[in-house]
Amino acid sequence: MIVVVWQVAASWRARMLAGREDEYKRLARKYAELLEDNTEILRRYTDELTETRRSVASMERMMRELD
């Protein structure tokens, strides 16, 4: 009887650990996707900021020429 209980407990523990491992892998994939998305968003914002700085610099030059 003790062997049966021991085997049931071991099987239950193994299933729990496998479930945790699957959840960890799912979370790792989700994190990688979000990191990739954030990297792309940051790249776009950086490009937009660079373009805005160029525009402002151009406007400043034009305003100085008017003075």
PDB file of N, CA and C in Angstrom:
ATOM      1  N   MET A   1       0.817  -1.195   0.000  1.00  0.00           N
ATOM      2  CA  MET A   1       0.000   0.000   0.000  1.00  0.00           C
ATOM      3  C   MET A   1       0.866   1.266   0.000  1.00  0.00           C
ATOM      4  N   ILE A   2       1.919   1.258   0.765  1.00  0.00           N
ATOM      5  CA  ILE A   2       2.806   2.422   0.834  1.00  0.00           C
ATOM      6  C   ILE A   2       3.439   2.688  -0.525  1.00  0.00           C
ATOM      7  N   VAL A   3       3.783   1.626  -1.227  1.00  0.00           N
ATOM      8  CA  VAL A   3       4.396   1.783  -2.557  1.00  0.00           C
ATOM      9  C   VAL A   3       3.419   2.448  -3.514  1.00  0.00           C
ATOM     10  N   VAL A   4       2.160   2.086  -3.458  1.00  0.00           N
ATOM     11  CA  VAL A   4       1.141   2.681  -4.333  1.00  0.00           C
ATOM     12  C   VAL A   4       0.997   4.164  -4.025  1.00  0.00           C
ATOM     13  N   VAL A   5       0.886   4.512  -2.770  1.00  0.00           N
ATOM     14  CA  VAL A   5       0.774   5.922  -2.376  1.00  0.00           C
ATOM     15  C   VAL A   5       2.014   6.684  -2.827  1.00  0.00           C
ATOM     16  N   TRP A   6       3.177   6.079  -2.628  1.00  0.00           N
ATOM     17  CA  TRP A   6       4.431   6.713  -3.032  1.00  0.00           C
ATOM     18  C   TRP A   6       4.452   6.965  -4.540  1.00  0.00           C
ATOM     19  N   GLN A   7       4.032   5.984  -5.330  1.00  0.00           N
ATOM     20  CA  GLN A   7       4.017   6.115  -6.786  1.00  0.00           C
ATOM     21  C   GLN A   7       3.003   7.173  -7.237  1.00  0.00           C
ATOM     22  N   VAL A   8       1.858   7.210  -6.603  1.00  0.00           N
ATOM     23  CA  VAL A   8       0.849   8.221  -6.940  1.00  0.00           C
ATOM     24  C   VAL A   8       1.393   9.611  -6.633  1.00  0.00           C
ATOM     25  N   ALA A   9       2.011   9.749  -5.496  1.00  0.00           N
ATOM     26  CA  ALA A   9       2.582  11.045  -5.123  1.00  0.00           C
ATOM     27  C   ALA A   9       3.691  11.448  -6.086  1.00  0.00           C
ATOM     28  N   ALA A  10       4.529  10.497  -6.466  1.00  0.00           N
ATOM     29  CA  ALA A  10       5.620  10.790  -7.400  1.00  0.00           C
ATOM     30  C   ALA A  10       5.064  11.182  -8.768  1.00  0.00           C
ATOM     31  N   SER A  11       4.029  10.478  -9.219  1.00  0.00           N
ATOM     32  CA  SER A  11       3.409  10.812 -10.508  1.00  0.00           C
ATOM     33  C   SER A  11       2.780  12.204 -10.458  1.00  0.00           C
ATOM     34  N   TRP A  12       2.092  12.508  -9.365  1.00  0.00           N
ATOM     35  CA  TRP A  12       1.468  13.820  -9.218  1.00  0.00           C
ATOM     36  C   TRP A  12       2.518  14.923  -9.233  1.00  0.00           C
ATOM     37  N   ARG A  13       3.600  14.690  -8.513  1.00  0.00           N
ATOM     38  CA  ARG A  13       4.695  15.682  -8.468  1.00  0.00           C
ATOM     39  C   ARG A  13       5.309  15.878  -9.843  1.00  0.00           C
ATOM     40  N   ALA A  14       5.513  14.786 -10.573  1.00  0.00           N
ATOM     41  CA  ALA A  14       6.086  14.880 -11.921  1.00  0.00           C
ATOM     42  C   ALA A  14       5.167  15.680 -12.843  1.00  0.00           C
ATOM     43  N   ARG A  15       3.852  15.455 -12.742  1.00  0.00           N
ATOM     44  CA  ARG A  15       2.916  16.230 -13.568  1.00  0.00           C
ATOM     45  C   ARG A  15       2.941  17.706 -13.206  1.00  0.00           C
ATOM     46  N   MET A  16       3.038  17.994 -11.926  1.00  0.00           N
ATOM     47  CA  MET A  16       3.099  19.385 -11.486  1.00  0.00           C
ATOM     48  C   MET A  16       4.362  20.062 -12.018  1.00  0.00           C
ATOM     49  N   LEU A  17       5.491  19.384 -11.938  1.00  0.00           N
ATOM     50  CA  LEU A  17       6.740  19.955 -12.428  1.00  0.00           C
ATOM     51  C   LEU A  17       6.696  20.156 -13.936  1.00  0.00           C
ATOM     52  N   ALA A  18       6.107  19.208 -14.660  1.00  0.00           N
ATOM     53  CA  ALA A  18       5.982  19.343 -16.114  1.00  0.00           C
ATOM     54  C   ALA A  18       5.085  20.528 -16.456  1.00  0.00           C
ATOM     55  N   GLY A  19       4.016  20.699 -15.688  1.00  0.00           N
ATOM     56  CA  GLY A  19       3.136  21.848 -15.913  1.00  0.00           C
ATOM     57  C   GLY A  19       3.845  23.160 -15.670  1.00  0.00           C
ATOM     58  N   ARG A  20       4.649  23.206 -14.641  1.00  0.00           N
ATOM     59  CA  ARG A  20       5.419  24.427 -14.358  1.00  0.00           C
ATOM     60  C   ARG A  20       6.413  24.706 -15.480  1.00  0.00           C
ATOM     61  N   GLU A  21       7.039  23.650 -15.972  1.00  0.00           N
ATOM     62  CA  GLU A  21       8.012  23.816 -17.062  1.00  0.00           C
ATOM     63  C   GLU A  21       7.319  24.339 -18.316  1.00  0.00           C
ATOM     64  N   ASP A  22       6.158  23.797 -18.635  1.00  0.00           N
ATOM     65  CA  ASP A  22       5.409  24.281 -19.800  1.00  0.00           C
ATOM     66  C   ASP A  22       5.010  25.740 -19.619  1.00  0.00           C
ATOM     67  N   GLU A  23       4.576  26.089 -18.432  1.00  0.00           N
ATOM     68  CA  GLU A  23       4.194  27.481 -18.160  1.00  0.00           C
ATOM     69  C   GLU A  23       5.404  28.405 -18.270  1.00  0.00           C
ATOM     70  N   TYR A  24       6.543  27.948 -17.768  1.00  0.00           N
ATOM     71  CA  TYR A  24       7.768  28.741 -17.866  1.00  0.00           C
ATOM     72  C   TYR A  24       8.142  28.970 -19.334  1.00  0.00           C
ATOM     73  N   LYS A  25       8.058  27.929 -20.130  1.00  0.00           N
ATOM     74  CA  LYS A  25       8.383  28.057 -21.562  1.00  0.00           C
ATOM     75  C   LYS A  25       7.416  29.012 -22.255  1.00  0.00           C
ATOM     76  N   ARG A  26       6.123  28.924 -21.893  1.00  0.00           N
ATOM     77  CA  ARG A  26       5.135  29.824 -22.483  1.00  0.00           C
ATOM     78  C   ARG A  26       5.426  31.275 -22.105  1.00  0.00           C
ATOM     79  N   LEU A  27       5.757  31.489 -20.836  1.00  0.00           N
ATOM     80  CA  LEU A  27       6.088  32.843 -20.392  1.00  0.00           C
ATOM     81  C   LEU A  27       7.358  33.362 -21.055  1.00  0.00           C
ATOM     82  N   ALA A  28       8.335  32.500 -21.230  1.00  0.00           N
ATOM     83  CA  ALA A  28       9.580  32.911 -21.890  1.00  0.00           C
ATOM     84  C   ALA A  28       9.314  33.312 -23.342  1.00  0.00           C
ATOM     85  N   ARG A  29       8.466  32.548 -24.034  1.00  0.00           N
ATOM     86  CA  ARG A  29       8.121  32.913 -25.417  1.00  0.00           C
ATOM     87  C   ARG A  29       7.384  34.242 -25.463  1.00  0.00           C
ATOM     88  N   LYS A  30       6.441  34.423 -24.531  1.00  0.00           N
ATOM     89  CA  LYS A  30       5.678  35.679 -24.482  1.00  0.00           C
ATOM     90  C   LYS A  30       6.599  36.866 -24.194  1.00  0.00           C
ATOM     91  N   TYR A  31       7.535  36.677 -23.265  1.00  0.00           N
ATOM     92  CA  TYR A  31       8.498  37.728 -22.943  1.00  0.00           C
ATOM     93  C   TYR A  31       9.329  38.089 -24.171  1.00  0.00           C
ATOM     94  N   ALA A  32       9.770  37.075 -24.908  1.00  0.00           N
ATOM     95  CA  ALA A  32      10.570  37.326 -26.112  1.00  0.00           C
ATOM     96  C   ALA A  32       9.767  38.116 -27.145  1.00  0.00           C
ATOM     97  N   GLU A  33       8.498  37.763 -27.307  1.00  0.00           N
ATOM     98  CA  GLU A  33       7.643  38.501 -28.248  1.00  0.00           C
ATOM     99  C   GLU A  33       7.464  39.953 -27.812  1.00  0.00           C
ATOM    100  N   LEU A  34       7.198  40.151 -26.529  1.00  0.00           N
ATOM    101  CA  LEU A  34       7.012  41.516 -26.030  1.00  0.00           C
ATOM    102  C   LEU A  34       8.287  42.333 -26.142  1.00  0.00           C
ATOM    103  N   LEU A  35       9.409  41.705 -25.876  1.00  0.00           N
ATOM    104  CA  LEU A  35      10.693  42.399 -25.998  1.00  0.00           C
ATOM    105  C   LEU A  35      10.942  42.808 -27.444  1.00  0.00           C
ATOM    106  N   GLU A  36      10.608  41.920 -28.367  1.00  0.00           N
ATOM    107  CA  GLU A  36      10.763  42.237 -29.781  1.00  0.00           C
ATOM    108  C   GLU A  36       9.853  43.404 -30.177  1.00  0.00           C
ATOM    109  N   ASP A  37       8.601  43.362 -29.701  1.00  0.00           N
ATOM    110  CA  ASP A  37       7.667  44.457 -29.987  1.00  0.00           C
ATOM    111  C   ASP A  37       8.180  45.774 -29.416  1.00  0.00           C
ATOM    112  N   ASN A  38       8.647  45.751 -28.177  1.00  0.00           N
ATOM    113  CA  ASN A  38       9.157  46.972 -27.548  1.00  0.00           C
ATOM    114  C   ASN A  38      10.382  47.506 -28.268  1.00  0.00           C
ATOM    115  N   THR A  39      11.234  46.613 -28.736  1.00  0.00           N
ATOM    116  CA  THR A  39      12.418  47.038 -29.477  1.00  0.00           C
ATOM    117  C   THR A  39      12.010  47.754 -30.759  1.00  0.00           C
ATOM    118  N   GLU A  40      11.013  47.224 -31.453  1.00  0.00           N
ATOM    119  CA  GLU A  40      10.537  47.857 -32.682  1.00  0.00           C
ATOM    120  C   GLU A  40       9.896  49.216 -32.391  1.00  0.00           C
ATOM    121  N   ILE A  41       9.114  49.298 -31.335  1.00  0.00           N
ATOM    122  CA  ILE A  41       8.491  50.573 -30.957  1.00  0.00           C
ATOM    123  C   ILE A  41       9.567  51.607 -30.619  1.00  0.00           C
ATOM    124  N   LEU A  42      10.573  51.199 -29.869  1.00  0.00           N
ATOM    125  CA  LEU A  42      11.664  52.111 -29.513  1.00  0.00           C
ATOM    126  C   LEU A  42      12.408  52.578 -30.756  1.00  0.00           C
ATOM    127  N   ARG A  43      12.628  51.678 -31.708  1.00  0.00           N
ATOM    128  CA  ARG A  43      13.301  52.066 -32.950  1.00  0.00           C
ATOM    129  C   ARG A  43      12.473  53.108 -33.705  1.00  0.00           C
ATOM    130  N   ARG A  44      11.150  52.883 -33.784  1.00  0.00           N
ATOM    131  CA  ARG A  44      10.288  53.851 -34.479  1.00  0.00           C
ATOM    132  C   ARG A  44      10.291  55.204 -33.781  1.00  0.00           C
ATOM    133  N   TYR A  45      10.198  55.194 -32.444  1.00  0.00           N
ATOM    134  CA  TYR A  45      10.230  56.454 -31.699  1.00  0.00           C
ATOM    135  C   TYR A  45      11.554  57.180 -31.884  1.00  0.00           C
ATOM    136  N   THR A  46      12.634  56.432 -31.905  1.00  0.00           N
ATOM    137  CA  THR A  46      13.947  57.034 -32.122  1.00  0.00           C
ATOM    138  C   THR A  46      14.021  57.670 -33.497  1.00  0.00           C
ATOM    139  N   ASP A  47      13.508  56.974 -34.507  1.00  0.00           N
ATOM    140  CA  ASP A  47      13.484  57.538 -35.859  1.00  0.00           C
ATOM    141  C   ASP A  47      12.636  58.808 -35.914  1.00  0.00           C
ATOM    142  N   GLU A  48      11.473  58.771 -35.263  1.00  0.00           N
ATOM    143  CA  GLU A  48      10.597  59.946 -35.261  1.00  0.00           C
ATOM    144  C   GLU A  48      11.250  61.113 -34.526  1.00  0.00           C
ATOM    145  N   LEU A  49      11.913  60.826 -33.416  1.00  0.00           N
ATOM    146  CA  LEU A  49      12.580  61.883 -32.662  1.00  0.00           C
ATOM    147  C   LEU A  49      13.723  62.488 -33.482  1.00  0.00           C
ATOM    148  N   THR A  50      14.457  61.653 -34.174  1.00  0.00           N
ATOM    149  CA  THR A  50      15.542  62.151 -35.029  1.00  0.00           C
ATOM    150  C   THR A  50      14.987  63.075 -36.106  1.00  0.00           C
ATOM    151  N   GLU A  51      13.891  62.666 -36.729  1.00  0.00           N
ATOM    152  CA  GLU A  51      13.280  63.499 -37.761  1.00  0.00           C
ATOM    153  C   GLU A  51      12.751  64.806 -37.178  1.00  0.00           C
ATOM    154  N   THR A  52      12.178  64.749 -35.993  1.00  0.00           N
ATOM    155  CA  THR A  52      11.680  65.961 -35.339  1.00  0.00           C
ATOM    156  C   THR A  52      12.825  66.913 -35.028  1.00  0.00           C
ATOM    157  N   ARG A  53      13.925  66.383 -34.544  1.00  0.00           N
ATOM    158  CA  ARG A  53      15.092  67.233 -34.260  1.00  0.00           C
ATOM    159  C   ARG A  53      15.606  67.901 -35.524  1.00  0.00           C
ATOM    160  N   ARG A  54      15.626  67.167 -36.632  1.00  0.00           N
ATOM    161  CA  ARG A  54      16.067  67.761 -37.903  1.00  0.00           C
ATOM    162  C   ARG A  54      15.134  68.898 -38.315  1.00  0.00           C
ATOM    163  N   SER A  55      13.834  68.660 -38.153  1.00  0.00           N
ATOM    164  CA  SER A  55      12.860  69.689 -38.533  1.00  0.00           C
ATOM    165  C   SER A  55      13.020  70.934 -37.668  1.00  0.00           C
ATOM    166  N   VAL A  56      13.189  70.741 -36.373  1.00  0.00           N
ATOM    167  CA  VAL A  56      13.352  71.880 -35.464  1.00  0.00           C
ATOM    168  C   VAL A  56      14.638  72.634 -35.796  1.00  0.00           C
ATOM    169  N   ALA A  57      15.703  71.909 -36.059  1.00  0.00           N
ATOM    170  CA  ALA A  57      16.969  72.565 -36.413  1.00  0.00           C
ATOM    171  C   ALA A  57      16.804  73.368 -37.698  1.00  0.00           C
ATOM    172  N   SER A  58      16.088  72.829 -38.650  1.00  0.00           N
ATOM    173  CA  SER A  58      15.856  73.542 -39.902  1.00  0.00           C
ATOM    174  C   SER A  58      15.032  74.804 -39.661  1.00  0.00           C
ATOM    175  N   MET A  59      14.011  74.697 -38.827  1.00  0.00           N
ATOM    176  CA  MET A  59      13.186  75.870 -38.517  1.00  0.00           C
ATOM    177  C   MET A  59      14.007  76.925 -37.775  1.00  0.00           C
ATOM    178  N   GLU A  60      14.882  76.494 -36.867  1.00  0.00           N
ATOM    179  CA  GLU A  60      15.736  77.446 -36.150  1.00  0.00           C
ATOM    180  C   GLU A  60      16.659  78.187 -37.115  1.00  0.00           C
ATOM    181  N   ARG A  61      17.219  77.472 -38.082  1.00  0.00           N
ATOM    182  CA  ARG A  61      18.083  78.121 -39.073  1.00  0.00           C
ATOM    183  C   ARG A  61      17.302  79.145 -39.883  1.00  0.00           C
ATOM    184  N   MET A  62      16.094  78.776 -40.286  1.00  0.00           N
ATOM    185  CA  MET A  62      15.271  79.712 -41.064  1.00  0.00           C
ATOM    186  C   MET A  62      14.935  80.947 -40.243  1.00  0.00           C
ATOM    187  N   MET A  63      14.636  80.772 -38.958  1.00  0.00           N
ATOM    188  CA  MET A  63      14.284  81.897 -38.108  1.00  0.00           C
ATOM    189  C   MET A  63      15.507  82.796 -37.893  1.00  0.00           C
ATOM    190  N   ARG A  64      16.708  82.219 -37.766  1.00  0.00           N
ATOM    191  CA  ARG A  64      17.909  83.040 -37.619  1.00  0.00           C
ATOM    192  C   ARG A  64      18.176  83.863 -38.886  1.00  0.00           C
ATOM    193  N   GLU A  65      17.902  83.246 -40.034  1.00  0.00           N
ATOM    194  CA  GLU A  65      18.126  83.960 -41.291  1.00  0.00           C
ATOM    195  C   GLU A  65      17.162  85.139 -41.437  1.00  0.00           C
ATOM    196  N   LEU A  66      15.996  85.053 -40.837  1.00  0.00           N
ATOM    197  CA  LEU A  66      15.023  86.145 -40.905  1.00  0.00           C
ATOM    198  C   LEU A  66      15.429  87.325 -40.039  1.00  0.00           C
ATOM    199  N   ASP A  67      16.187  87.046 -38.994  1.00  0.00           N
ATOM    200  CA  ASP A  67      16.595  88.123 -38.072  1.00  0.00           C
ATOM    201  C   ASP A  67      17.565  89.049 -38.686  1.00  0.00           C
TER     202      ASP A  67
END
